[in-house]
Every structure is written in C-alpha cells, then in structure tokens.
C-alpha cells in the first residue's frame, strides 16, 4: 500500500506546546510557516481517507502531492 510522505499540516497543535526559552522565538514563527506551507487539516484528512480505502494492489512507493 502506498505511504504518503508527511508534510506540514495547518493545525493549531502548537498552542499548548511547552518549549525551552531558547525555542520561544521559533515557536512564535510557526504560525507563519504553517500559513505559508501547511496543508489544511480537512484536505489531509480527506486524502488519508481516500488512500486507506483504496483496494490493495501492486503499487508501492507512490508519493502523493497536493493538487
């Protein structure tokens, strides 16, 4: 079964993350990165559902991309 390559998912998981003081500035930048590169959670969920409902076959190593 093909396995999707994980990427950035636009979600709000970072709101409750506890980080060291050295990473605080990086955490403040995370929303901007997710806005620019993150795939919306609804789109990821639909793609995952489509992948897991496919009939097993001989396709392996397939990479799924947005679009």
PDB file of N, CA and C in Angstrom:
ATOM      1  N   UNK A   1       0.848  -1.175   0.000  1.00  0.00           N
ATOM      2  CA  UNK A   1       0.000   0.000   0.000  1.00  0.00           C
ATOM      3  C   UNK A   1       0.893   1.238   0.000  1.00  0.00           C
ATOM      4  N   UNK A   2       0.587   2.222  -0.837  1.00  0.00           N
ATOM      5  CA  UNK A   2       1.384   3.448  -0.877  1.00  0.00           C
ATOM      6  C   UNK A   2       1.337   4.185   0.465  1.00  0.00           C
ATOM      7  N   UNK A   3       2.434   4.786   0.825  1.00  0.00           N
ATOM      8  CA  UNK A   3       2.517   5.544   2.071  1.00  0.00           C
ATOM      9  C   UNK A   3       2.745   7.006   1.732  1.00  0.00           C
ATOM     10  N   UNK A   4       1.878   7.917   2.215  1.00  0.00           N
ATOM     11  CA  UNK A   4       2.100   9.326   1.918  1.00  0.00           C
ATOM     12  C   UNK A   4       3.322   9.849   2.666  1.00  0.00           C
ATOM     13  N   UNK A   5       4.020  10.774   2.044  1.00  0.00           N
ATOM     14  CA  UNK A   5       5.163  11.398   2.687  1.00  0.00           C
ATOM     15  C   UNK A   5       4.622  12.516   3.585  1.00  0.00           C
ATOM     16  N   UNK A   6       4.915  12.462   4.872  1.00  0.00           N
ATOM     17  CA  UNK A   6       4.370  13.503   5.753  1.00  0.00           C
ATOM     18  C   UNK A   6       4.919  14.884   5.409  1.00  0.00           C
ATOM     19  N   UNK A   7       4.098  15.862   5.572  1.00  0.00           N
ATOM     20  CA  UNK A   7       4.484  17.243   5.345  1.00  0.00           C
ATOM     21  C   UNK A   7       3.882  18.106   6.435  1.00  0.00           C
ATOM     22  N   UNK A   8       3.859  19.390   6.211  1.00  0.00           N
ATOM     23  CA  UNK A   8       3.304  20.303   7.209  1.00  0.00           C
ATOM     24  C   UNK A   8       1.789  20.340   7.087  1.00  0.00           C
ATOM     25  N   UNK A   9       1.124  20.150   8.208  1.00  0.00           N
ATOM     26  CA  UNK A   9      -0.328  20.204   8.268  1.00  0.00           C
ATOM     27  C   UNK A   9      -0.708  21.462   9.033  1.00  0.00           C
ATOM     28  N   UNK A  10      -1.574  22.248   8.422  1.00  0.00           N
ATOM     29  CA  UNK A  10      -2.014  23.501   9.047  1.00  0.00           C
ATOM     30  C   UNK A  10      -3.025  23.166  10.147  1.00  0.00           C
ATOM     31  N   UNK A  11      -2.544  23.145  11.372  1.00  0.00           N
ATOM     32  CA  UNK A  11      -3.384  22.826  12.527  1.00  0.00           C
ATOM     33  C   UNK A  11      -2.952  23.706  13.697  1.00  0.00           C
ATOM     34  N   UNK A  12      -3.720  23.679  14.752  1.00  0.00           N
ATOM     35  CA  UNK A  12      -3.411  24.534  15.899  1.00  0.00           C
ATOM     36  C   UNK A  12      -2.732  23.774  17.036  1.00  0.00           C
ATOM     37  N   UNK A  13      -2.034  22.711  16.723  1.00  0.00           N
ATOM     38  CA  UNK A  13      -1.388  21.881  17.738  1.00  0.00           C
ATOM     39  C   UNK A  13      -0.370  22.635  18.579  1.00  0.00           C
ATOM     40  N   UNK A  14       0.190  23.668  18.041  1.00  0.00           N
ATOM     41  CA  UNK A  14       1.303  24.367  18.691  1.00  0.00           C
ATOM     42  C   UNK A  14       0.857  25.276  19.837  1.00  0.00           C
ATOM     43  N   UNK A  15      -0.431  25.508  19.980  1.00  0.00           N
ATOM     44  CA  UNK A  15      -0.905  26.419  21.036  1.00  0.00           C
ATOM     45  C   UNK A  15      -0.554  25.942  22.442  1.00  0.00           C
ATOM     46  N   UNK A  16      -0.537  24.649  22.666  1.00  0.00           N
ATOM     47  CA  UNK A  16      -0.303  24.104  24.008  1.00  0.00           C
ATOM     48  C   UNK A  16       1.091  23.518  24.189  1.00  0.00           C
ATOM     49  N   UNK A  17       1.992  23.785  23.276  1.00  0.00           N
ATOM     50  CA  UNK A  17       3.337  23.226  23.369  1.00  0.00           C
ATOM     51  C   UNK A  17       4.164  24.011  24.382  1.00  0.00           C
ATOM     52  N   UNK A  18       4.874  23.303  25.212  1.00  0.00           N
ATOM     53  CA  UNK A  18       5.811  23.911  26.158  1.00  0.00           C
ATOM     54  C   UNK A  18       7.211  23.733  25.577  1.00  0.00           C
ATOM     55  N   UNK A  19       7.949  24.822  25.442  1.00  0.00           N
ATOM     56  CA  UNK A  19       9.293  24.760  24.874  1.00  0.00           C
ATOM     57  C   UNK A  19      10.268  25.474  25.803  1.00  0.00           C
ATOM     58  N   UNK A  20      11.536  25.191  25.601  1.00  0.00           N
ATOM     59  CA  UNK A  20      12.570  25.874  26.376  1.00  0.00           C
ATOM     60  C   UNK A  20      12.634  27.333  25.936  1.00  0.00           C
ATOM     61  N   UNK A  21      13.230  28.153  26.756  1.00  0.00           N
ATOM     62  CA  UNK A  21      13.336  29.577  26.444  1.00  0.00           C
ATOM     63  C   UNK A  21      14.116  29.815  25.150  1.00  0.00           C
ATOM     64  N   UNK A  22      15.000  28.897  24.792  1.00  0.00           N
ATOM     65  CA  UNK A  22      15.773  29.037  23.555  1.00  0.00           C
ATOM     66  C   UNK A  22      14.900  28.871  22.308  1.00  0.00           C
ATOM     67  N   UNK A  23      13.778  28.176  22.436  1.00  0.00           N
ATOM     68  CA  UNK A  23      12.923  27.911  21.279  1.00  0.00           C
ATOM     69  C   UNK A  23      11.683  28.802  21.222  1.00  0.00           C
ATOM     70  N   UNK A  24      11.504  29.677  22.182  1.00  0.00           N
ATOM     71  CA  UNK A  24      10.305  30.512  22.225  1.00  0.00           C
ATOM     72  C   UNK A  24      10.139  31.344  20.957  1.00  0.00           C
ATOM     73  N   UNK A  25      11.221  31.946  20.477  1.00  0.00           N
ATOM     74  CA  UNK A  25      11.139  32.765  19.260  1.00  0.00           C
ATOM     75  C   UNK A  25      10.747  31.897  18.056  1.00  0.00           C
ATOM     76  N   UNK A  26      11.312  30.700  17.966  1.00  0.00           N
ATOM     77  CA  UNK A  26      10.971  29.798  16.863  1.00  0.00           C
ATOM     78  C   UNK A  26       9.490  29.416  16.906  1.00  0.00           C
ATOM     79  N   UNK A  27       8.964  29.195  18.085  1.00  0.00           N
ATOM     80  CA  UNK A  27       7.559  28.815  18.222  1.00  0.00           C
ATOM     81  C   UNK A  27       6.652  29.962  17.772  1.00  0.00           C
ATOM     82  N   UNK A  28       7.050  31.193  18.027  1.00  0.00           N
ATOM     83  CA  UNK A  28       6.250  32.337  17.587  1.00  0.00           C
ATOM     84  C   UNK A  28       6.207  32.431  16.060  1.00  0.00           C
ATOM     85  N   UNK A  29       7.212  31.903  15.379  1.00  0.00           N
ATOM     86  CA  UNK A  29       7.247  31.930  13.917  1.00  0.00           C
ATOM     87  C   UNK A  29       6.458  30.792  13.279  1.00  0.00           C
ATOM     88  N   UNK A  30       6.118  29.783  14.044  1.00  0.00           N
ATOM     89  CA  UNK A  30       5.442  28.605  13.496  1.00  0.00           C
ATOM     90  C   UNK A  30       4.125  28.921  12.786  1.00  0.00           C
ATOM     91  N   UNK A  31       3.262  29.782  13.316  1.00  0.00           N
ATOM     92  CA  UNK A  31       2.016  30.080  12.593  1.00  0.00           C
ATOM     93  C   UNK A  31       2.253  30.621  11.184  1.00  0.00           C
ATOM     94  N   UNK A  32       3.314  31.394  10.997  1.00  0.00           N
ATOM     95  CA  UNK A  32       3.612  31.943   9.672  1.00  0.00           C
ATOM     96  C   UNK A  32       4.043  30.839   8.699  1.00  0.00           C
ATOM     97  N   UNK A  33       4.843  29.907   9.187  1.00  0.00           N
ATOM     98  CA  UNK A  33       5.275  28.782   8.349  1.00  0.00           C
ATOM     99  C   UNK A  33       4.087  27.897   7.980  1.00  0.00           C
ATOM    100  N   UNK A  34       3.213  27.638   8.951  1.00  0.00           N
ATOM    101  CA  UNK A  34       2.041  26.807   8.669  1.00  0.00           C
ATOM    102  C   UNK A  34       1.095  27.495   7.689  1.00  0.00           C
ATOM    103  N   UNK A  35       0.959  28.792   7.811  1.00  0.00           N
ATOM    104  CA  UNK A  35       0.100  29.540   6.880  1.00  0.00           C
ATOM    105  C   UNK A  35       0.669  29.481   5.470  1.00  0.00           C
ATOM    106  N   UNK A  36       1.984  29.569   5.353  1.00  0.00           N
ATOM    107  CA  UNK A  36       2.623  29.581   4.036  1.00  0.00           C
ATOM    108  C   UNK A  36       2.717  28.193   3.401  1.00  0.00           C
ATOM    109  N   UNK A  37       3.032  27.167   4.214  1.00  0.00           N
ATOM    110  CA  UNK A  37       3.333  25.856   3.654  1.00  0.00           C
ATOM    111  C   UNK A  37       2.407  24.738   4.115  1.00  0.00           C
ATOM    112  N   UNK A  38       1.610  24.986   5.124  1.00  0.00           N
ATOM    113  CA  UNK A  38       0.773  23.932   5.693  1.00  0.00           C
ATOM    114  C   UNK A  38      -0.434  23.596   4.837  1.00  0.00           C
ATOM    115  N   UNK A  39      -0.716  22.328   4.740  1.00  0.00           N
ATOM    116  CA  UNK A  39      -1.903  21.856   4.034  1.00  0.00           C
ATOM    117  C   UNK A  39      -3.043  21.840   5.054  1.00  0.00           C
ATOM    118  N   UNK A  40      -4.222  22.385   4.709  1.00  0.00           N
ATOM    119  CA  UNK A  40      -5.331  22.400   5.660  1.00  0.00           C
ATOM    120  C   UNK A  40      -5.680  20.997   6.166  1.00  0.00           C
ATOM    121  N   UNK A  41      -5.993  20.910   7.443  1.00  0.00           N
ATOM    122  CA  UNK A  41      -6.284  19.632   8.095  1.00  0.00           C
ATOM    123  C   UNK A  41      -7.400  18.873   7.380  1.00  0.00           C
ATOM    124  N   UNK A  42      -8.419  19.574   6.922  1.00  0.00           N
ATOM    125  CA  UNK A  42      -9.534  18.917   6.229  1.00  0.00           C
ATOM    126  C   UNK A  42      -9.065  18.235   4.945  1.00  0.00           C
ATOM    127  N   UNK A  43      -8.152  18.882   4.233  1.00  0.00           N
ATOM    128  CA  UNK A  43      -7.618  18.320   2.990  1.00  0.00           C
ATOM    129  C   UNK A  43      -6.776  17.076   3.277  1.00  0.00           C
ATOM    130  N   UNK A  44      -5.985  17.130   4.337  1.00  0.00           N
ATOM    131  CA  UNK A  44      -5.155  15.991   4.725  1.00  0.00           C
ATOM    132  C   UNK A  44      -6.041  14.818   5.135  1.00  0.00           C
ATOM    133  N   UNK A  45      -7.077  15.098   5.921  1.00  0.00           N
ATOM    134  CA  UNK A  45      -7.988  14.035   6.359  1.00  0.00           C
ATOM    135  C   UNK A  45      -8.660  13.347   5.191  1.00  0.00           C
ATOM    136  N   UNK A  46      -9.122  14.125   4.212  1.00  0.00           N
ATOM    137  CA  UNK A  46      -9.780  13.538   3.036  1.00  0.00           C
ATOM    138  C   UNK A  46      -8.790  12.689   2.239  1.00  0.00           C
ATOM    139  N   UNK A  47      -7.577  13.193   2.063  1.00  0.00           N
ATOM    140  CA  UNK A  47      -6.568  12.441   1.310  1.00  0.00           C
ATOM    141  C   UNK A  47      -6.234  11.130   2.022  1.00  0.00           C
ATOM    142  N   UNK A  48      -6.102  11.174   3.340  1.00  0.00           N
ATOM    143  CA  UNK A  48      -5.808   9.952   4.097  1.00  0.00           C
ATOM    144  C   UNK A  48      -6.948   8.952   3.973  1.00  0.00           C
ATOM    145  N   UNK A  49      -8.182   9.436   4.058  1.00  0.00           N
ATOM    146  CA  UNK A  49      -9.338   8.546   3.913  1.00  0.00           C
ATOM    147  C   UNK A  49      -9.354   7.917   2.524  1.00  0.00           C
ATOM    148  N   UNK A  50      -9.058   8.691   1.496  1.00  0.00           N
ATOM    149  CA  UNK A  50      -9.014   8.154   0.131  1.00  0.00           C
ATOM    150  C   UNK A  50      -7.929   7.079  -0.009  1.00  0.00           C
ATOM    151  N   UNK A  51      -6.790   7.312   0.599  1.00  0.00           N
ATOM    152  CA  UNK A  51      -5.679   6.363   0.496  1.00  0.00           C
ATOM    153  C   UNK A  51      -5.998   5.054   1.205  1.00  0.00           C
ATOM    154  N   UNK A  52      -6.532   5.133   2.405  1.00  0.00           N
ATOM    155  CA  UNK A  52      -6.762   3.892   3.164  1.00  0.00           C
ATOM    156  C   UNK A  52      -7.948   3.087   2.644  1.00  0.00           C
ATOM    157  N   UNK A  53      -8.800   3.701   1.818  1.00  0.00           N
ATOM    158  CA  UNK A  53      -9.928   2.946   1.263  1.00  0.00           C
ATOM    159  C   UNK A  53      -9.626   2.368  -0.117  1.00  0.00           C
ATOM    160  N   UNK A  54      -8.411   2.593  -0.619  1.00  0.00           N
ATOM    161  CA  UNK A  54      -8.047   2.021  -1.913  1.00  0.00           C
ATOM    162  C   UNK A  54      -7.896   0.510  -1.805  1.00  0.00           C
ATOM    163  N   UNK A  55      -8.258  -0.153  -2.880  1.00  0.00           N
ATOM    164  CA  UNK A  55      -8.080  -1.603  -2.935  1.00  0.00           C
ATOM    165  C   UNK A  55      -6.578  -1.906  -2.990  1.00  0.00           C
ATOM    166  N   UNK A  56      -6.109  -2.830  -2.148  1.00  0.00           N
ATOM    167  CA  UNK A  56      -4.682  -3.188  -2.189  1.00  0.00           C
ATOM    168  C   UNK A  56      -4.290  -3.692  -3.576  1.00  0.00           C
ATOM    169  N   UNK A  57      -3.105  -3.382  -3.971  1.00  0.00           N
ATOM    170  CA  UNK A  57      -2.643  -3.790  -5.294  1.00  0.00           C
ATOM    171  C   UNK A  57      -1.143  -3.897  -5.333  1.00  0.00           C
ATOM    172  N   UNK A  58      -0.610  -3.657  -6.507  1.00  0.00           N
ATOM    173  CA  UNK A  58       0.826  -3.809  -6.707  1.00  0.00           C
ATOM    174  C   UNK A  58       1.577  -2.484  -6.664  1.00  0.00           C
ATOM    175  N   UNK A  59       0.892  -1.374  -6.392  1.00  0.00           N
ATOM    176  CA  UNK A  59       1.546  -0.073  -6.361  1.00  0.00           C
ATOM    177  C   UNK A  59       2.277   0.087  -5.036  1.00  0.00           C
ATOM    178  N   UNK A  60       3.560   0.389  -5.114  1.00  0.00           N
ATOM    179  CA  UNK A  60       4.344   0.650  -3.903  1.00  0.00           C
ATOM    180  C   UNK A  60       5.210   1.871  -4.114  1.00  0.00           C
ATOM    181  N   UNK A  61       5.553   2.524  -3.057  1.00  0.00           N
ATOM    182  CA  UNK A  61       6.456   3.668  -3.135  1.00  0.00           C
ATOM    183  C   UNK A  61       5.874   4.891  -3.806  1.00  0.00           C
ATOM    184  N   UNK A  62       4.559   4.982  -3.877  1.00  0.00           N
ATOM    185  CA  UNK A  62       3.937   6.133  -4.530  1.00  0.00           C
ATOM    186  C   UNK A  62       3.966   7.325  -3.580  1.00  0.00           C
ATOM    187  N   UNK A  63       4.282   8.502  -4.111  1.00  0.00           N
ATOM    188  CA  UNK A  63       4.289   9.724  -3.338  1.00  0.00           C
ATOM    189  C   UNK A  63       3.081  10.553  -3.746  1.00  0.00           C
ATOM    190  N   UNK A  64       2.308  10.972  -2.780  1.00  0.00           N
ATOM    191  CA  UNK A  64       1.137  11.793  -3.039  1.00  0.00           C
ATOM    192  C   UNK A  64       1.481  13.251  -2.788  1.00  0.00           C
ATOM    193  N   UNK A  65       1.083  14.093  -3.699  1.00  0.00           N
ATOM    194  CA  UNK A  65       1.336  15.517  -3.506  1.00  0.00           C
ATOM    195  C   UNK A  65       0.023  16.271  -3.634  1.00  0.00           C
ATOM    196  N   UNK A  66       0.033  17.444  -3.124  1.00  0.00           N
ATOM    197  CA  UNK A  66      -1.156  18.282  -3.143  1.00  0.00           C
ATOM    198  C   UNK A  66      -1.427  18.731  -4.566  1.00  0.00           C
ATOM    199  N   UNK A  67      -2.699  18.715  -4.942  1.00  0.00           N
ATOM    200  CA  UNK A  67      -3.070  19.255  -6.246  1.00  0.00           C
ATOM    201  C   UNK A  67      -3.487  18.243  -7.153  1.00  0.00           C
TER     202      UNK A  67
END
